[in-house]
Amino acid sequence: MVLSCRNLLLMREASGAFVKMPEKLNFEQSLSRLSEISEAMNDQNLPLEEALKLYGEAVGLIDICKRRIETAKLTIERIENESRINETRT
């Protein structure tokens, strides 16, 4: 999956420069891109500047994944609480 730079937001990368990040990626897309970045960073011939850009992108994608997981946890907790309340009523 190659991401287009047209639909991206700016994000600060590790070097302090800004790198563009996707506006709306779901968990699976973010995870897939992280896998691609991991493979690319294993390339011994990757220039340092490119490695830094990929690292900055990876940090942003990890943040997206963490937020999606936290949202999923909250949704599960809400569903479980509603289920308990409904069980108490019956």
PDB file of N, CA and C in Angstrom:
ATOM      1  N   MET A   1       0.844  -1.178   0.000  1.00  0.00           N
ATOM      2  CA  MET A   1       0.000   0.000   0.000  1.00  0.00           C
ATOM      3  C   MET A   1       0.885   1.235   0.000  1.00  0.00           C
ATOM      4  N   VAL A   2       0.789   2.049  -1.017  1.00  0.00           N
ATOM      5  CA  VAL A   2       1.535   3.294  -1.086  1.00  0.00           C
ATOM      6  C   VAL A   2       0.557   4.413  -0.807  1.00  0.00           C
ATOM      7  N   LEU A   3       0.934   5.290   0.104  1.00  0.00           N
ATOM      8  CA  LEU A   3       0.034   6.358   0.505  1.00  0.00           C
ATOM      9  C   LEU A   3       0.285   7.599  -0.330  1.00  0.00           C
ATOM     10  N   SER A   4      -0.786   8.225  -0.760  1.00  0.00           N
ATOM     11  CA  SER A   4      -0.689   9.454  -1.524  1.00  0.00           C
ATOM     12  C   SER A   4      -0.401  10.615  -0.579  1.00  0.00           C
ATOM     13  N   CYS A   5       0.427  11.524  -1.001  1.00  0.00           N
ATOM     14  CA  CYS A   5       0.765  12.691  -0.178  1.00  0.00           C
ATOM     15  C   CYS A   5      -0.302  13.773  -0.268  1.00  0.00           C
ATOM     16  N   ARG A   6      -1.305  13.604  -1.083  1.00  0.00           N
ATOM     17  CA  ARG A   6      -2.324  14.633  -1.249  1.00  0.00           C
ATOM     18  C   ARG A   6      -3.283  14.712  -0.071  1.00  0.00           C
ATOM     19  N   ASN A   7      -3.556  13.600   0.601  1.00  0.00           N
ATOM     20  CA  ASN A   7      -4.514  13.564   1.687  1.00  0.00           C
ATOM     21  C   ASN A   7      -3.825  13.437   3.037  1.00  0.00           C
ATOM     22  N   LEU A   8      -2.771  14.201   3.234  1.00  0.00           N
ATOM     23  CA  LEU A   8      -1.972  14.012   4.426  1.00  0.00           C
ATOM     24  C   LEU A   8      -1.952  15.246   5.317  1.00  0.00           C
ATOM     25  N   LEU A   9      -1.705  15.015   6.604  1.00  0.00           N
ATOM     26  CA  LEU A   9      -1.533  16.075   7.588  1.00  0.00           C
ATOM     27  C   LEU A   9      -0.059  16.175   7.938  1.00  0.00           C
ATOM     28  N   LEU A  10       0.349  17.327   8.432  1.00  0.00           N
ATOM     29  CA  LEU A  10       1.728  17.467   8.865  1.00  0.00           C
ATOM     30  C   LEU A  10       1.904  16.883  10.248  1.00  0.00           C
ATOM     31  N   MET A  11       3.038  16.250  10.459  1.00  0.00           N
ATOM     32  CA  MET A  11       3.369  15.693  11.756  1.00  0.00           C
ATOM     33  C   MET A  11       4.851  15.881  11.997  1.00  0.00           C
ATOM     34  N   ARG A  12       5.223  16.221  13.207  1.00  0.00           N
ATOM     35  CA  ARG A  12       6.636  16.423  13.510  1.00  0.00           C
ATOM     36  C   ARG A  12       7.328  15.070  13.587  1.00  0.00           C
ATOM     37  N   GLU A  13       8.440  14.942  12.891  1.00  0.00           N
ATOM     38  CA  GLU A  13       9.202  13.703  12.928  1.00  0.00           C
ATOM     39  C   GLU A  13      10.316  13.817  13.953  1.00  0.00           C
ATOM     40  N   ALA A  14      11.040  12.745  14.149  1.00  0.00           N
ATOM     41  CA  ALA A  14      12.071  12.676  15.179  1.00  0.00           C
ATOM     42  C   ALA A  14      13.123  13.775  15.029  1.00  0.00           C
ATOM     43  N   SER A  15      13.453  14.166  13.823  1.00  0.00           N
ATOM     44  CA  SER A  15      14.492  15.170  13.611  1.00  0.00           C
ATOM     45  C   SER A  15      13.999  16.583  13.877  1.00  0.00           C
ATOM     46  N   GLY A  16      12.705  16.739  14.131  1.00  0.00           N
ATOM     47  CA  GLY A  16      12.139  18.061  14.376  1.00  0.00           C
ATOM     48  C   GLY A  16      11.483  18.640  13.138  1.00  0.00           C
ATOM     49  N   ALA A  17      11.749  18.075  11.977  1.00  0.00           N
ATOM     50  CA  ALA A  17      11.115  18.537  10.744  1.00  0.00           C
ATOM     51  C   ALA A  17       9.689  17.994  10.706  1.00  0.00           C
ATOM     52  N   PHE A  18       8.925  18.474   9.766  1.00  0.00           N
ATOM     53  CA  PHE A  18       7.564  17.981   9.638  1.00  0.00           C
ATOM     54  C   PHE A  18       7.477  16.971   8.517  1.00  0.00           C
ATOM     55  N   VAL A  19       6.716  15.932   8.765  1.00  0.00           N
ATOM     56  CA  VAL A  19       6.458  14.909   7.766  1.00  0.00           C
ATOM     57  C   VAL A  19       4.944  14.819   7.613  1.00  0.00           C
ATOM     58  N   LYS A  20       4.483  14.487   6.437  1.00  0.00           N
ATOM     59  CA  LYS A  20       3.038  14.410   6.212  1.00  0.00           C
ATOM     60  C   LYS A  20       2.507  13.050   6.635  1.00  0.00           C
ATOM     61  N   MET A  21       1.384  13.068   7.345  1.00  0.00           N
ATOM     62  CA  MET A  21       0.740  11.850   7.818  1.00  0.00           C
ATOM     63  C   MET A  21      -0.664  11.749   7.232  1.00  0.00           C
ATOM     64  N   PRO A  22      -1.139  10.541   6.997  1.00  0.00           N
ATOM     65  CA  PRO A  22      -2.485  10.354   6.459  1.00  0.00           C
ATOM     66  C   PRO A  22      -3.548  10.915   7.388  1.00  0.00           C
ATOM     67  N   GLU A  23      -4.559  11.553   6.803  1.00  0.00           N
ATOM     68  CA  GLU A  23      -5.650  12.106   7.592  1.00  0.00           C
ATOM     69  C   GLU A  23      -6.475  11.024   8.264  1.00  0.00           C
ATOM     70  N   LYS A  24      -6.949  10.087   7.489  1.00  0.00           N
ATOM     71  CA  LYS A  24      -7.869   9.084   8.031  1.00  0.00           C
ATOM     72  C   LYS A  24      -7.438   7.691   7.618  1.00  0.00           C
ATOM     73  N   LEU A  25      -6.731   7.054   8.506  1.00  0.00           N
ATOM     74  CA  LEU A  25      -6.366   5.662   8.286  1.00  0.00           C
ATOM     75  C   LEU A  25      -7.013   4.833   9.371  1.00  0.00           C
ATOM     76  N   ASN A  26      -7.525   3.687   9.005  1.00  0.00           N
ATOM     77  CA  ASN A  26      -8.058   2.814  10.038  1.00  0.00           C
ATOM     78  C   ASN A  26      -6.908   1.999  10.627  1.00  0.00           C
ATOM     79  N   PHE A  27      -7.216   1.188  11.602  1.00  0.00           N
ATOM     80  CA  PHE A  27      -6.205   0.408  12.305  1.00  0.00           C
ATOM     81  C   PHE A  27      -5.448  -0.511  11.349  1.00  0.00           C
ATOM     82  N   GLU A  28      -6.183  -1.212  10.510  1.00  0.00           N
ATOM     83  CA  GLU A  28      -5.568  -2.177   9.610  1.00  0.00           C
ATOM     84  C   GLU A  28      -4.645  -1.501   8.598  1.00  0.00           C
ATOM     85  N   GLN A  29      -5.071  -0.350   8.069  1.00  0.00           N
ATOM     86  CA  GLN A  29      -4.233   0.382   7.123  1.00  0.00           C
ATOM     87  C   GLN A  29      -2.950   0.864   7.806  1.00  0.00           C
ATOM     88  N   SER A  30      -3.093   1.367   9.024  1.00  0.00           N
ATOM     89  CA  SER A  30      -1.932   1.846   9.776  1.00  0.00           C
ATOM     90  C   SER A  30      -0.962   0.705  10.052  1.00  0.00           C
ATOM     91  N   LEU A  31      -1.493  -0.429  10.461  1.00  0.00           N
ATOM     92  CA  LEU A  31      -0.658  -1.590  10.751  1.00  0.00           C
ATOM     93  C   LEU A  31       0.054  -2.091   9.488  1.00  0.00           C
ATOM     94  N   SER A  32      -0.657  -2.090   8.382  1.00  0.00           N
ATOM     95  CA  SER A  32      -0.076  -2.513   7.116  1.00  0.00           C
ATOM     96  C   SER A  32       1.075  -1.586   6.712  1.00  0.00           C
ATOM     97  N   ARG A  33       0.848  -0.290   6.855  1.00  0.00           N
ATOM     98  CA  ARG A  33       1.902   0.673   6.512  1.00  0.00           C
ATOM     99  C   ARG A  33       3.100   0.523   7.455  1.00  0.00           C
ATOM    100  N   LEU A  34       2.845   0.253   8.725  1.00  0.00           N
ATOM    101  CA  LEU A  34       3.939   0.019   9.669  1.00  0.00           C
ATOM    102  C   LEU A  34       4.775  -1.182   9.238  1.00  0.00           C
ATOM    103  N   SER A  35       4.127  -2.202   8.746  1.00  0.00           N
ATOM    104  CA  SER A  35       4.837  -3.380   8.259  1.00  0.00           C
ATOM    105  C   SER A  35       5.718  -3.018   7.069  1.00  0.00           C
ATOM    106  N   GLU A  36       5.191  -2.209   6.158  1.00  0.00           N
ATOM    107  CA  GLU A  36       5.971  -1.768   5.005  1.00  0.00           C
ATOM    108  C   GLU A  36       7.185  -0.949   5.444  1.00  0.00           C
ATOM    109  N   ILE A  37       6.971  -0.066   6.412  1.00  0.00           N
ATOM    110  CA  ILE A  37       8.063   0.761   6.916  1.00  0.00           C
ATOM    111  C   ILE A  37       9.126  -0.104   7.567  1.00  0.00           C
ATOM    112  N   SER A  38       8.703  -1.095   8.315  1.00  0.00           N
ATOM    113  CA  SER A  38       9.639  -1.997   8.969  1.00  0.00           C
ATOM    114  C   SER A  38      10.510  -2.701   7.939  1.00  0.00           C
ATOM    115  N   GLU A  39       9.894  -3.184   6.875  1.00  0.00           N
ATOM    116  CA  GLU A  39      10.652  -3.843   5.812  1.00  0.00           C
ATOM    117  C   GLU A  39      11.634  -2.874   5.168  1.00  0.00           C
ATOM    118  N   ALA A  40      11.177  -1.660   4.880  1.00  0.00           N
ATOM    119  CA  ALA A  40      12.038  -0.668   4.235  1.00  0.00           C
ATOM    120  C   ALA A  40      13.218  -0.300   5.122  1.00  0.00           C
ATOM    121  N   MET A  41      12.978  -0.206   6.421  1.00  0.00           N
ATOM    122  CA  MET A  41      14.049   0.196   7.332  1.00  0.00           C
ATOM    123  C   MET A  41      15.069  -0.916   7.544  1.00  0.00           C
ATOM    124  N   ASN A  42      14.727  -2.128   7.170  1.00  0.00           N
ATOM    125  CA  ASN A  42      15.687  -3.232   7.234  1.00  0.00           C
ATOM    126  C   ASN A  42      16.651  -3.216   6.058  1.00  0.00           C
ATOM    127  N   ASP A  43      16.380  -2.359   5.083  1.00  0.00           N
ATOM    128  CA  ASP A  43      17.256  -2.227   3.925  1.00  0.00           C
ATOM    129  C   ASP A  43      18.549  -1.530   4.349  1.00  0.00           C
ATOM    130  N   GLN A  44      19.650  -2.229   4.222  1.00  0.00           N
ATOM    131  CA  GLN A  44      20.955  -1.701   4.644  1.00  0.00           C
ATOM    132  C   GLN A  44      21.382  -0.472   3.832  1.00  0.00           C
ATOM    133  N   ASN A  45      20.802  -0.294   2.661  1.00  0.00           N
ATOM    134  CA  ASN A  45      21.202   0.809   1.780  1.00  0.00           C
ATOM    135  C   ASN A  45      20.281   2.018   1.887  1.00  0.00           C
ATOM    136  N   LEU A  46      19.373   2.019   2.850  1.00  0.00           N
ATOM    137  CA  LEU A  46      18.429   3.126   3.011  1.00  0.00           C
ATOM    138  C   LEU A  46      19.174   4.370   3.497  1.00  0.00           C
ATOM    139  N   PRO A  47      19.065   5.474   2.760  1.00  0.00           N
ATOM    140  CA  PRO A  47      19.735   6.703   3.196  1.00  0.00           C
ATOM    141  C   PRO A  47      19.186   7.180   4.548  1.00  0.00           C
ATOM    142  N   LEU A  48      20.038   7.819   5.310  1.00  0.00           N
ATOM    143  CA  LEU A  48      19.671   8.269   6.654  1.00  0.00           C
ATOM    144  C   LEU A  48      18.449   9.168   6.639  1.00  0.00           C
ATOM    145  N   GLU A  49      18.396  10.128   5.721  1.00  0.00           N
ATOM    146  CA  GLU A  49      17.251  11.045   5.668  1.00  0.00           C
ATOM    147  C   GLU A  49      15.947  10.293   5.424  1.00  0.00           C
ATOM    148  N   GLU A  50      16.002   9.304   4.551  1.00  0.00           N
ATOM    149  CA  GLU A  50      14.798   8.503   4.278  1.00  0.00           C
ATOM    150  C   GLU A  50      14.420   7.688   5.510  1.00  0.00           C
ATOM    151  N   ALA A  51      15.411   7.143   6.197  1.00  0.00           N
ATOM    152  CA  ALA A  51      15.149   6.379   7.420  1.00  0.00           C
ATOM    153  C   ALA A  51      14.492   7.261   8.473  1.00  0.00           C
ATOM    154  N   LEU A  52      14.948   8.501   8.594  1.00  0.00           N
ATOM    155  CA  LEU A  52      14.352   9.429   9.562  1.00  0.00           C
ATOM    156  C   LEU A  52      12.912   9.766   9.197  1.00  0.00           C
ATOM    157  N   LYS A  53      12.658   9.950   7.915  1.00  0.00           N
ATOM    158  CA  LYS A  53      11.283  10.230   7.478  1.00  0.00           C
ATOM    159  C   LYS A  53      10.375   9.042   7.790  1.00  0.00           C
ATOM    160  N   LEU A  54      10.856   7.850   7.493  1.00  0.00           N
ATOM    161  CA  LEU A  54      10.061   6.655   7.768  1.00  0.00           C
ATOM    162  C   LEU A  54       9.836   6.475   9.261  1.00  0.00           C
ATOM    163  N   TYR A  55      10.857   6.764  10.049  1.00  0.00           N
ATOM    164  CA  TYR A  55      10.728   6.669  11.504  1.00  0.00           C
ATOM    165  C   TYR A  55       9.644   7.627  11.999  1.00  0.00           C
ATOM    166  N   GLY A  56       9.673   8.857  11.500  1.00  0.00           N
ATOM    167  CA  GLY A  56       8.653   9.831  11.892  1.00  0.00           C
ATOM    168  C   GLY A  56       7.259   9.385  11.498  1.00  0.00           C
ATOM    169  N   GLU A  57       7.131   8.826  10.318  1.00  0.00           N
ATOM    170  CA  GLU A  57       5.840   8.306   9.869  1.00  0.00           C
ATOM    171  C   GLU A  57       5.391   7.157  10.769  1.00  0.00           C
ATOM    172  N   ALA A  58       6.324   6.281  11.116  1.00  0.00           N
ATOM    173  CA  ALA A  58       5.997   5.130  11.973  1.00  0.00           C
ATOM    174  C   ALA A  58       5.498   5.583  13.333  1.00  0.00           C
ATOM    175  N   VAL A  59       6.136   6.600  13.897  1.00  0.00           N
ATOM    176  CA  VAL A  59       5.703   7.119  15.201  1.00  0.00           C
ATOM    177  C   VAL A  59       4.250   7.606  15.117  1.00  0.00           C
ATOM    178  N   GLY A  60       3.923   8.304  14.053  1.00  0.00           N
ATOM    179  CA  GLY A  60       2.543   8.771  13.871  1.00  0.00           C
ATOM    180  C   GLY A  60       1.566   7.628  13.689  1.00  0.00           C
ATOM    181  N   LEU A  61       1.967   6.612  12.950  1.00  0.00           N
ATOM    182  CA  LEU A  61       1.100   5.452  12.736  1.00  0.00           C
ATOM    183  C   LEU A  61       0.894   4.670  14.024  1.00  0.00           C
ATOM    184  N   ILE A  62       1.929   4.569  14.835  1.00  0.00           N
ATOM    185  CA  ILE A  62       1.788   3.899  16.133  1.00  0.00           C
ATOM    186  C   ILE A  62       0.789   4.654  16.994  1.00  0.00           C
ATOM    187  N   ASP A  63       0.844   5.977  16.940  1.00  0.00           N
ATOM    188  CA  ASP A  63      -0.113   6.792  17.701  1.00  0.00           C
ATOM    189  C   ASP A  63      -1.537   6.543  17.214  1.00  0.00           C
ATOM    190  N   ILE A  64      -1.716   6.464  15.909  1.00  0.00           N
ATOM    191  CA  ILE A  64      -3.040   6.163  15.345  1.00  0.00           C
ATOM    192  C   ILE A  64      -3.525   4.807  15.864  1.00  0.00           C
ATOM    193  N   CYS A  65      -2.659   3.801  15.829  1.00  0.00           N
ATOM    194  CA  CYS A  65      -3.031   2.460  16.295  1.00  0.00           C
ATOM    195  C   CYS A  65      -3.405   2.478  17.771  1.00  0.00           C
ATOM    196  N   LYS A  66      -2.618   3.185  18.583  1.00  0.00           N
ATOM    197  CA  LYS A  66      -2.917   3.266  20.018  1.00  0.00           C
ATOM    198  C   LYS A  66      -4.283   3.904  20.253  1.00  0.00           C
ATOM    199  N   ARG A  67      -4.571   4.980  19.510  1.00  0.00           N
ATOM    200  CA  ARG A  67      -5.874   5.640  19.677  1.00  0.00           C
ATOM    201  C   ARG A  67      -7.023   4.739  19.242  1.00  0.00           C
ATOM    202  N   ARG A  68      -6.827   4.002  18.148  1.00  0.00           N
ATOM    203  CA  ARG A  68      -7.885   3.088  17.681  1.00  0.00           C
ATOM    204  C   ARG A  68      -8.120   1.963  18.692  1.00  0.00           C
ATOM    205  N   ILE A  69      -7.050   1.445  19.276  1.00  0.00           N
ATOM    206  CA  ILE A  69      -7.180   0.390  20.289  1.00  0.00           C
ATOM    207  C   ILE A  69      -7.869   0.940  21.527  1.00  0.00           C
ATOM    208  N   GLU A  70      -7.510   2.130  21.951  1.00  0.00           N
ATOM    209  CA  GLU A  70      -8.142   2.733  23.128  1.00  0.00           C
ATOM    210  C   GLU A  70      -9.636   2.958  22.875  1.00  0.00           C
ATOM    211  N   THR A  71      -9.980   3.410  21.683  1.00  0.00           N
ATOM    212  CA  THR A  71     -11.389   3.598  21.329  1.00  0.00           C
ATOM    213  C   THR A  71     -12.127   2.263  21.356  1.00  0.00           C
ATOM    214  N   ALA A  72     -11.491   1.214  20.845  1.00  0.00           N
ATOM    215  CA  ALA A  72     -12.107  -0.119  20.849  1.00  0.00           C
ATOM    216  C   ALA A  72     -12.323  -0.603  22.282  1.00  0.00           C
ATOM    217  N   LYS A  73     -11.328  -0.389  23.156  1.00  0.00           N
ATOM    218  CA  LYS A  73     -11.466  -0.791  24.557  1.00  0.00           C
ATOM    219  C   LYS A  73     -12.635  -0.074  25.223  1.00  0.00           C
ATOM    220  N   LEU A  74     -12.733   1.228  24.981  1.00  0.00           N
ATOM    221  CA  LEU A  74     -13.836   1.998  25.571  1.00  0.00           C
ATOM    222  C   LEU A  74     -15.188   1.521  25.054  1.00  0.00           C
ATOM    223  N   THR A  75     -15.237   1.184  23.779  1.00  0.00           N
ATOM    224  CA  THR A  75     -16.481   0.669  23.199  1.00  0.00           C
ATOM    225  C   THR A  75     -16.863  -0.659  23.844  1.00  0.00           C
ATOM    226  N   ILE A  76     -15.887  -1.550  24.028  1.00  0.00           N
ATOM    227  CA  ILE A  76     -16.151  -2.839  24.665  1.00  0.00           C
ATOM    228  C   ILE A  76     -16.624  -2.640  26.104  1.00  0.00           C
ATOM    229  N   GLU A  77     -15.973  -1.742  26.834  1.00  0.00           N
ATOM    230  CA  GLU A  77     -16.373  -1.468  28.216  1.00  0.00           C
ATOM    231  C   GLU A  77     -17.802  -0.938  28.273  1.00  0.00           C
ATOM    232  N   ARG A  78     -18.151  -0.033  27.345  1.00  0.00           N
ATOM    233  CA  ARG A  78     -19.500   0.527  27.319  1.00  0.00           C
ATOM    234  C   ARG A  78     -20.525  -0.571  27.033  1.00  0.00           C
ATOM    235  N   ILE A  79     -20.223  -1.441  26.087  1.00  0.00           N
ATOM    236  CA  ILE A  79     -21.138  -2.530  25.741  1.00  0.00           C
ATOM    237  C   ILE A  79     -21.312  -3.470  26.932  1.00  0.00           C
ATOM    238  N   GLU A  80     -20.208  -3.812  27.589  1.00  0.00           N
ATOM    239  CA  GLU A  80     -20.284  -4.697  28.759  1.00  0.00           C
ATOM    240  C   GLU A  80     -21.085  -4.058  29.887  1.00  0.00           C
ATOM    241  N   ASN A  81     -20.879  -2.766  30.112  1.00  0.00           N
ATOM    242  CA  ASN A  81     -21.638  -2.072  31.153  1.00  0.00           C
ATOM    243  C   ASN A  81     -23.128  -2.040  30.829  1.00  0.00           C
ATOM    244  N   GLU A  82     -23.450  -1.779  29.588  1.00  0.00           N
ATOM    245  CA  GLU A  82     -24.855  -1.782  29.180  1.00  0.00           C
ATOM    246  C   GLU A  82     -25.457  -3.169  29.353  1.00  0.00           C
ATOM    247  N   SER A  83     -24.686  -4.191  29.041  1.00  0.00           N
ATOM    248  CA  SER A  83     -25.162  -5.566  29.191  1.00  0.00           C
ATOM    249  C   SER A  83     -25.448  -5.872  30.661  1.00  0.00           C
ATOM    250  N   ARG A  84     -24.543  -5.454  31.555  1.00  0.00           N
ATOM    251  CA  ARG A  84     -24.751  -5.674  32.989  1.00  0.00           C
ATOM    252  C   ARG A  84     -25.980  -4.939  33.502  1.00  0.00           C
ATOM    253  N   ILE A  85     -26.163  -3.724  33.019  1.00  0.00           N
ATOM    254  CA  ILE A  85     -27.339  -2.951  33.443  1.00  0.00           C
ATOM    255  C   ILE A  85     -28.605  -3.650  32.970  1.00  0.00           C
ATOM    256  N   ASN A  86     -28.611  -4.144  31.749  1.00  0.00           N
ATOM    257  CA  ASN A  86     -29.783  -4.854  31.222  1.00  0.00           C
ATOM    258  C   ASN A  86     -30.037  -6.158  31.971  1.00  0.00           C
ATOM    259  N   GLU A  87     -28.973  -6.858  32.382  1.00  0.00           N
ATOM    260  CA  GLU A  87     -29.138  -8.082  33.157  1.00  0.00           C
ATOM    261  C   GLU A  87     -29.729  -7.775  34.532  1.00  0.00           C
ATOM    262  N   THR A  88     -29.336  -6.672  35.116  1.00  0.00           N
ATOM    263  CA  THR A  88     -29.844  -6.276  36.433  1.00  0.00           C
ATOM    264  C   THR A  88     -31.332  -5.943  36.363  1.00  0.00           C
ATOM    265  N   ARG A  89     -31.758  -5.377  35.268  1.00  0.00           N
ATOM    266  CA  ARG A  89     -33.162  -4.982  35.100  1.00  0.00           C
ATOM    267  C   ARG A  89     -34.074  -6.187  34.893  1.00  0.00           C
ATOM    268  N   THR A  90     -33.526  -7.281  34.388  1.00  0.00           N
ATOM    269  CA  THR A  90     -34.393  -8.436  34.089  1.00  0.00           C
ATOM    270  C   THR A  90     -34.443  -9.413  35.211  1.00  0.00           C
TER     271      THR A  90
END
